[in-house]
Amino acid sequence: MAKKLLNGAELAGFIKERQAKQVRMLRQAHHIIPKVVIIKSVNASVVIDSYVRLKKQYARDILIEFEQIACAQADMIDTIINLNQDESVHAIVVQLPLDEPTATDEIVDTIAPEKDVDGLGVKSEFISATAEAIDWLLTGYGIELTNKNIVIVGKGRLVGRPLIELWSERGLDITTIDKQTEQIDDILRSGEVIVTATGQPRLLRNENIAQGAVIVDAGTTSEDGLIVGDIDPELLERSDLTVTPLKGGVGPLTVVLLFDHVIRAALKKIQQ
């Protein structure tokens, strides 16, 4: 197996204990019941449904009220407007991708900034939960990013774009890859730290990954009924790499960070 696995689930357990205490304090001392509503398409994929189930279970574990609404994309904006006005709802999440992705900006930008816990709207008070999870994951395992050649594969709003912004603000050396990029394999071979989130199975393979690289795979897609990432499983057999496992990498920590944002949104009610 790989030299070191970046196990997000391992880190998540410690944070979850702290969150459960915070929710109990909100409920008992301030009579505030944190509530999150997740909106998903009626045509949600297997991958989307699996993530919603994870979030539902996590919410139950730490006593956060959870509601999911499946609706047609045409009805999402009206649904969000109603939830914005509902004082019992502290957090709103639109589960991406949508059936018609070109409407994503308009829909997520409708979420009230103080309730946009996924950090997807332009005025959100929160950073992207997935981007923050990747940052926490690398920090938690002592991965130094300064003076490293960092390659980010994909510029999507969930991972690539917010992570590029976060790390660029720190002055880190970042090279980005998207669909228009040429000589992708050469760029990947130059990467000392690689973050990928494309949903393209086996994009990262033995022949395009250098010795000693650190790889964070945040890509997900469904293949033959299974959820797979962007890396070829053979990379996990290399003893020189530090890499996220096939399961339990970024995903569990993303859920943790999302609910950290939900709790922060509820805590603001104390100050009002």
Protein backbone atom coordinates (compact mmCIF):
# COMPACT_ATOMS: atom_id res chain seq x y z
CA MET A 1 0.00 0.00 0.00
CA ALA A 2 0.95 3.65 -0.29
CA LYS A 3 3.50 5.05 2.13
CA LYS A 4 0.92 7.30 3.81
CA LEU A 5 -2.84 7.55 3.41
CA LEU A 6 -4.49 10.93 3.91
CA ASN A 7 -7.43 9.62 5.90
CA GLY A 8 -10.04 12.33 6.31
CA ALA A 9 -12.28 10.03 8.33
CA GLU A 10 -9.56 9.74 10.97
CA LEU A 11 -9.41 13.51 11.46
CA ALA A 12 -13.18 13.89 11.27
CA GLY A 13 -13.83 11.92 14.44
CA PHE A 14 -12.04 14.42 16.68
CA ILE A 15 -13.93 17.38 15.21
CA LYS A 16 -17.27 15.59 15.44
CA GLU A 17 -16.99 15.30 19.22
CA ARG A 18 -16.47 19.05 19.53
CA GLN A 19 -19.42 19.76 17.23
CA ALA A 20 -21.78 17.55 19.22
CA LYS A 21 -20.91 19.55 22.36
CA GLN A 22 -21.53 22.84 20.55
CA VAL A 23 -24.95 21.68 19.35
CA ARG A 24 -25.93 20.55 22.85
CA MET A 25 -24.93 23.97 24.16
CA LEU A 26 -27.03 25.71 21.51
CA ARG A 27 -30.04 23.54 22.33
CA GLN A 28 -29.80 23.58 26.12
CA ALA A 29 -28.40 27.00 26.93
CA HIS A 30 -29.90 29.06 24.11
CA HIS A 31 -32.88 26.98 22.90
CA ILE A 32 -31.56 27.14 19.34
CA ILE A 33 -32.00 24.02 17.22
CA PRO A 34 -29.56 24.21 14.28
CA LYS A 35 -31.28 23.26 11.05
CA VAL A 36 -29.97 22.59 7.55
CA VAL A 37 -32.02 22.07 4.40
CA ILE A 38 -30.53 20.33 1.38
CA ILE A 39 -32.12 20.89 -2.01
CA LYS A 40 -31.50 18.34 -4.71
CA SER A 41 -32.84 17.64 -8.17
CA VAL A 42 -35.64 15.15 -8.57
CA ASN A 43 -33.27 13.50 -11.08
CA ALA A 44 -30.38 13.25 -8.61
CA SER A 45 -27.72 10.70 -9.50
CA VAL A 46 -26.53 7.79 -7.37
CA VAL A 47 -23.47 9.83 -6.37
CA ILE A 48 -25.57 12.80 -5.26
CA ASP A 49 -27.97 10.62 -3.28
CA SER A 50 -25.06 8.94 -1.50
CA TYR A 51 -23.68 12.29 -0.36
CA VAL A 52 -27.09 13.44 0.84
CA ARG A 53 -27.43 10.27 2.91
CA LEU A 54 -24.02 10.86 4.49
CA LYS A 55 -25.02 14.38 5.48
CA LYS A 56 -28.36 13.23 6.84
CA GLN A 57 -26.69 10.64 9.07
CA TYR A 58 -24.05 13.09 10.27
CA ALA A 59 -26.72 15.66 11.17
CA ARG A 60 -28.60 13.07 13.20
CA ASP A 61 -25.40 12.03 15.00
CA ILE A 62 -24.76 15.54 16.32
CA LEU A 63 -28.45 16.46 16.79
CA ILE A 64 -28.76 18.96 13.94
CA GLU A 65 -32.20 19.07 12.35
CA PHE A 66 -32.03 17.93 8.73
CA GLU A 67 -34.48 18.31 5.86
CA GLN A 68 -34.07 17.42 2.20
CA ILE A 69 -36.19 18.79 -0.61
CA ALA A 70 -36.24 17.17 -4.04
CA CYS A 71 -37.62 19.55 -6.62
CA ALA A 72 -37.47 20.46 -10.29
CA GLN A 73 -34.67 22.87 -11.13
CA ALA A 74 -37.24 25.45 -12.29
CA ASP A 75 -38.65 25.54 -8.75
CA MET A 76 -35.34 25.85 -6.87
CA ILE A 77 -35.12 29.64 -6.74
CA ASP A 78 -38.61 30.02 -5.25
CA THR A 79 -37.81 27.24 -2.78
CA ILE A 80 -34.61 29.02 -1.71
CA ILE A 81 -36.37 32.38 -1.34
CA ASN A 82 -38.90 30.79 1.03
CA LEU A 83 -36.12 29.13 3.05
CA ASN A 84 -34.20 32.41 3.25
CA GLN A 85 -37.19 33.89 5.03
CA ASP A 86 -37.65 30.93 7.39
CA GLU A 87 -35.94 31.85 10.67
CA SER A 88 -35.89 28.22 11.80
CA VAL A 89 -33.52 27.37 8.92
CA HIS A 90 -29.89 28.28 9.55
CA ALA A 91 -28.29 26.68 6.51
CA ILE A 92 -29.24 25.94 2.89
CA VAL A 93 -27.32 23.63 0.57
CA VAL A 94 -27.95 23.03 -3.12
CA GLN A 95 -26.52 19.63 -3.97
CA LEU A 96 -24.53 19.92 -7.20
CA PRO A 97 -24.28 19.21 -10.06
CA LEU A 98 -27.65 20.39 -11.33
CA ASP A 99 -29.53 18.94 -14.30
CA GLU A 100 -28.76 22.13 -16.22
CA PRO A 101 -25.39 23.38 -14.89
CA THR A 102 -25.58 26.73 -16.71
CA ALA A 103 -28.15 27.86 -14.12
CA THR A 104 -25.90 27.04 -11.16
CA ASP A 105 -24.69 30.60 -10.53
CA GLU A 106 -28.18 32.07 -10.54
CA ILE A 107 -29.51 29.42 -8.19
CA VAL A 108 -26.73 29.33 -5.58
CA ASP A 109 -26.45 33.13 -5.58
CA THR A 110 -30.08 33.22 -4.41
CA ILE A 111 -29.11 31.65 -1.08
CA ALA A 112 -28.82 34.24 1.71
CA PRO A 113 -25.06 34.78 2.33
CA GLU A 114 -25.40 33.93 6.03
CA LYS A 115 -27.10 30.60 5.15
CA ASP A 116 -24.83 29.62 2.25
CA VAL A 117 -22.78 27.12 4.28
CA ASP A 118 -21.35 25.42 1.18
CA GLY A 119 -19.71 28.70 0.22
CA LEU A 120 -20.91 28.59 -3.38
CA GLY A 121 -22.55 32.00 -3.83
CA VAL A 122 -20.49 35.07 -4.70
CA LYS A 123 -21.52 36.79 -1.44
CA SER A 124 -21.38 33.76 0.84
CA GLU A 125 -20.02 34.28 4.34
CA PHE A 126 -18.35 30.86 4.15
CA ILE A 127 -15.55 29.31 2.12
CA SER A 128 -16.27 26.19 0.04
CA ALA A 129 -16.55 23.27 2.48
CA THR A 130 -14.69 20.93 0.11
CA ALA A 131 -11.82 23.33 -0.51
CA GLU A 132 -11.51 23.97 3.22
CA ALA A 133 -11.58 20.22 3.88
CA ILE A 134 -8.64 19.66 1.53
CA ASP A 135 -6.70 22.43 3.25
CA TRP A 136 -7.45 20.96 6.70
CA LEU A 137 -6.59 17.45 5.50
CA LEU A 138 -3.12 18.44 4.31
CA THR A 139 -2.50 20.55 7.41
CA GLY A 140 -3.66 17.72 9.67
CA TYR A 141 -1.09 15.38 8.17
CA GLY A 142 1.70 17.94 8.24
CA ILE A 143 1.99 18.38 4.47
CA GLU A 144 3.96 21.57 3.80
CA LEU A 145 2.76 23.54 0.77
CA THR A 146 5.23 26.42 0.81
CA ASN A 147 7.87 26.17 -1.94
CA LYS A 148 6.12 23.17 -3.46
CA ASN A 149 4.95 22.85 -7.07
CA ILE A 150 1.18 22.47 -6.60
CA VAL A 151 -1.01 21.23 -9.45
CA ILE A 152 -4.80 21.63 -9.26
CA VAL A 153 -6.73 19.63 -11.83
CA GLY A 154 -10.14 21.12 -12.56
CA LYS A 155 -11.55 24.60 -11.96
CA GLY A 156 -15.05 23.73 -10.77
CA ARG A 157 -16.90 25.83 -8.23
CA LEU A 158 -16.95 23.07 -5.60
CA VAL A 159 -13.21 22.37 -5.43
CA GLY A 160 -10.83 23.79 -8.00
CA ARG A 161 -11.91 27.41 -8.18
CA PRO A 162 -12.22 28.10 -4.42
CA LEU A 163 -9.03 26.16 -3.64
CA ILE A 164 -7.10 28.15 -6.25
CA GLU A 165 -8.36 31.37 -4.63
CA LEU A 166 -7.57 30.17 -1.10
CA TRP A 167 -4.01 29.09 -1.88
CA SER A 168 -3.27 31.96 -4.25
CA GLU A 169 -4.01 34.39 -1.42
CA ARG A 170 -1.21 32.67 0.53
CA GLY A 171 1.22 33.15 -2.34
CA LEU A 172 1.59 29.43 -3.07
CA ASP A 173 2.99 28.18 -6.40
CA ILE A 174 -0.02 26.79 -8.28
CA THR A 175 -0.36 25.35 -11.78
CA THR A 176 -3.91 24.64 -12.97
CA ILE A 177 -5.19 22.12 -15.48
CA ASP A 178 -8.55 22.24 -17.24
CA LYS A 179 -10.07 20.81 -20.43
CA GLN A 180 -8.16 23.27 -22.62
CA THR A 181 -4.75 22.49 -21.11
CA GLU A 182 -2.20 20.83 -23.38
CA GLN A 183 0.53 18.39 -22.34
CA ILE A 184 -1.38 17.42 -19.21
CA ASP A 185 0.85 14.43 -18.45
CA ASP A 186 3.97 16.62 -18.42
CA ILE A 187 2.34 19.06 -16.00
CA LEU A 188 1.17 16.25 -13.73
CA ARG A 189 4.68 14.75 -13.65
CA SER A 190 5.97 18.11 -12.39
CA GLY A 191 3.54 18.18 -9.48
CA GLU A 192 4.80 17.66 -5.94
CA VAL A 193 1.30 18.18 -4.50
CA ILE A 194 -1.62 17.34 -6.79
CA VAL A 195 -5.30 17.98 -6.10
CA THR A 196 -7.72 16.55 -8.65
CA ALA A 197 -11.50 16.98 -8.87
CA THR A 198 -12.70 16.22 -12.40
CA GLY A 199 -14.87 13.11 -12.15
CA GLN A 200 -12.73 11.51 -14.87
CA PRO A 201 -11.76 7.99 -13.74
CA ARG A 202 -8.06 7.04 -13.86
CA LEU A 203 -6.93 10.46 -15.04
CA LEU A 204 -3.93 10.11 -12.70
CA ARG A 205 -1.87 7.02 -13.50
CA ASN A 206 1.53 5.58 -12.67
CA GLU A 207 3.13 7.02 -15.79
CA ASN A 208 2.12 10.64 -15.09
CA ILE A 209 2.86 10.84 -11.36
CA ALA A 210 6.38 11.58 -10.13
CA GLN A 211 8.16 9.83 -7.28
CA GLY A 212 7.17 11.08 -3.82
CA ALA A 213 4.12 13.08 -4.89
CA VAL A 214 1.24 13.96 -2.57
CA ILE A 215 -2.16 13.33 -4.19
CA VAL A 216 -5.59 14.45 -3.01
CA ASP A 217 -8.39 12.90 -5.06
CA ALA A 218 -11.63 14.86 -4.66
CA GLY A 219 -13.18 13.67 -7.90
CA THR A 220 -16.23 11.44 -7.88
CA THR A 221 -18.31 9.77 -10.56
CA SER A 222 -20.37 6.62 -10.96
CA GLU A 223 -18.89 3.75 -12.97
CA ASP A 224 -20.65 0.40 -13.24
CA GLY A 225 -22.73 1.30 -10.20
CA LEU A 226 -19.70 2.16 -8.07
CA ILE A 227 -18.43 5.56 -6.95
CA VAL A 228 -14.89 6.09 -8.23
CA GLY A 229 -12.37 8.91 -8.12
CA ASP A 230 -9.85 10.43 -10.53
CA ILE A 231 -6.87 8.23 -9.64
CA ASP A 232 -6.09 4.77 -10.92
CA PRO A 233 -6.25 2.33 -7.97
CA GLU A 234 -2.78 1.10 -8.93
CA LEU A 235 -1.35 4.32 -7.49
CA LEU A 236 -2.31 3.06 -4.03
CA GLU A 237 0.20 0.26 -4.47
CA ARG A 238 3.13 2.65 -4.77
CA SER A 239 5.15 2.93 -1.56
CA ASP A 240 6.58 6.37 -2.45
CA LEU A 241 3.28 8.27 -2.61
CA THR A 242 1.15 10.05 -0.01
CA VAL A 243 -2.43 9.78 -1.26
CA THR A 244 -6.07 9.82 -0.21
CA PRO A 245 -7.63 6.33 0.03
CA LEU A 246 -10.35 5.15 -2.33
CA LYS A 247 -12.83 5.79 0.51
CA GLY A 248 -12.53 8.06 3.53
CA GLY A 249 -10.34 10.76 2.03
CA VAL A 250 -11.77 14.22 1.38
CA GLY A 251 -15.45 13.24 1.60
CA PRO A 252 -15.78 12.69 5.36
CA LEU A 253 -13.90 15.89 6.17
CA THR A 254 -16.04 17.86 3.70
CA VAL A 255 -19.16 16.78 5.58
CA VAL A 256 -17.49 17.80 8.86
CA LEU A 257 -16.59 21.26 7.54
CA LEU A 258 -20.08 21.74 6.11
CA PHE A 259 -21.59 21.12 9.54
CA ASP A 260 -18.98 23.34 11.15
CA HIS A 261 -20.45 26.08 8.97
CA VAL A 262 -24.00 25.12 9.96
CA ILE A 263 -23.05 25.44 13.64
CA ARG A 264 -21.37 28.78 13.02
CA ALA A 265 -24.51 30.03 11.25
CA ALA A 266 -26.63 28.97 14.25
CA LEU A 267 -24.18 30.51 16.74
CA LYS A 268 -24.72 33.89 15.09
CA LYS A 269 -28.29 33.80 16.37
CA ILE A 270 -26.94 34.19 19.90
CA GLN A 271 -25.50 37.59 18.98
CA GLN A 272 -28.74 38.89 17.50
